[in-house]
Amino acid sequence: MMPDLGKYAGDVLMAYGITIALLVLLIWRSLARSAKVKRQLKDAEERRKTHG
């Protein structure tokens, strides 16, 4: 299943690992930001209901 990468195997696998780590970080940050904005929107809507 895995092609023979020869002397570049370490570099290729490291590149895959870094890419996966960066993707996970990007997704995590996006989800965290989404949750923060959702909370801020809910708070703003609650303030609007109580203040007019």
C-alpha atoms as a PDB file:
ATOM      1  CA  MET A   1       0.000   0.000   0.000  1.00  0.00           C
ATOM      2  CA  MET A   2       2.848   2.409   0.840  1.00  0.00           C
ATOM      3  CA  PRO A   3       5.117   3.173  -2.114  1.00  0.00           C
ATOM      4  CA  ASP A   4       8.849   2.673  -1.699  1.00  0.00           C
ATOM      5  CA  LEU A   5      10.219   6.160  -1.059  1.00  0.00           C
ATOM      6  CA  GLY A   6      13.833   5.156  -0.668  1.00  0.00           C
ATOM      7  CA  LYS A   7      16.082   7.740   0.893  1.00  0.00           C
ATOM      8  CA  TYR A   8      13.264  10.313   0.942  1.00  0.00           C
ATOM      9  CA  ALA A   9      10.958   8.267   3.180  1.00  0.00           C
ATOM     10  CA  GLY A  10      11.777  10.265   6.304  1.00  0.00           C
ATOM     11  CA  ASP A  11      11.265  13.602   4.595  1.00  0.00           C
ATOM     12  CA  VAL A  12       8.002  12.557   2.971  1.00  0.00           C
ATOM     13  CA  LEU A  13       6.595  11.089   6.182  1.00  0.00           C
ATOM     14  CA  MET A  14       7.639  14.189   8.121  1.00  0.00           C
ATOM     15  CA  ALA A  15       5.915  16.387   5.535  1.00  0.00           C
ATOM     16  CA  TYR A  16       2.739  14.292   5.850  1.00  0.00           C
ATOM     17  CA  GLY A  17       2.910  14.549   9.637  1.00  0.00           C
ATOM     18  CA  ILE A  18       3.388  18.312   9.590  1.00  0.00           C
ATOM     19  CA  THR A  19       0.556  18.726   7.098  1.00  0.00           C
ATOM     20  CA  ILE A  20      -1.832  16.655   9.205  1.00  0.00           C
ATOM     21  CA  ALA A  21      -0.829  18.553  12.355  1.00  0.00           C
ATOM     22  CA  LEU A  22      -1.425  21.904  10.651  1.00  0.00           C
ATOM     23  CA  LEU A  23      -4.815  20.771   9.358  1.00  0.00           C
ATOM     24  CA  VAL A  24      -5.848  19.606  12.830  1.00  0.00           C
ATOM     25  CA  LEU A  25      -4.700  22.927  14.303  1.00  0.00           C
ATOM     26  CA  LEU A  26      -6.600  24.902  11.670  1.00  0.00           C
ATOM     27  CA  ILE A  27      -9.796  22.915  12.216  1.00  0.00           C
ATOM     28  CA  TRP A  28      -9.473  23.220  16.003  1.00  0.00           C
ATOM     29  CA  ARG A  29      -8.964  27.002  15.791  1.00  0.00           C
ATOM     30  CA  SER A  30     -11.937  27.345  13.430  1.00  0.00           C
ATOM     31  CA  LEU A  31     -14.207  25.408  15.778  1.00  0.00           C
ATOM     32  CA  ALA A  32     -12.988  27.371  18.807  1.00  0.00           C
ATOM     33  CA  ARG A  33     -13.558  30.677  17.006  1.00  0.00           C
ATOM     34  CA  SER A  34     -17.006  29.545  15.890  1.00  0.00           C
ATOM     35  CA  ALA A  35     -17.981  28.702  19.473  1.00  0.00           C
ATOM     36  CA  LYS A  36     -16.675  32.070  20.712  1.00  0.00           C
ATOM     37  CA  VAL A  37     -18.594  34.023  18.078  1.00  0.00           C
ATOM     38  CA  LYS A  38     -21.731  31.995  18.784  1.00  0.00           C
ATOM     39  CA  ARG A  39     -21.470  32.885  22.504  1.00  0.00           C
ATOM     40  CA  GLN A  40     -20.904  36.559  21.678  1.00  0.00           C
ATOM     41  CA  LEU A  41     -23.930  36.592  19.375  1.00  0.00           C
ATOM     42  CA  LYS A  42     -26.099  34.941  22.025  1.00  0.00           C
ATOM     43  CA  ASP A  43     -24.970  37.512  24.612  1.00  0.00           C
ATOM     44  CA  ALA A  44     -25.650  40.394  22.217  1.00  0.00           C
ATOM     45  CA  GLU A  45     -29.126  39.048  21.454  1.00  0.00           C
ATOM     46  CA  GLU A  46     -29.877  38.668  25.168  1.00  0.00           C
ATOM     47  CA  ARG A  47     -28.778  42.269  25.817  1.00  0.00           C
ATOM     48  CA  ARG A  48     -30.958  43.471  22.973  1.00  0.00           C
ATOM     49  CA  LYS A  49     -34.008  41.643  24.374  1.00  0.00           C
ATOM     50  CA  THR A  50     -33.553  43.153  27.831  1.00  0.00           C
ATOM     51  CA  HIS A  51     -32.629  46.688  26.704  1.00  0.00           C
ATOM     52  CA  GLY A  52     -35.153  47.293  24.021  1.00  0.00           C
END
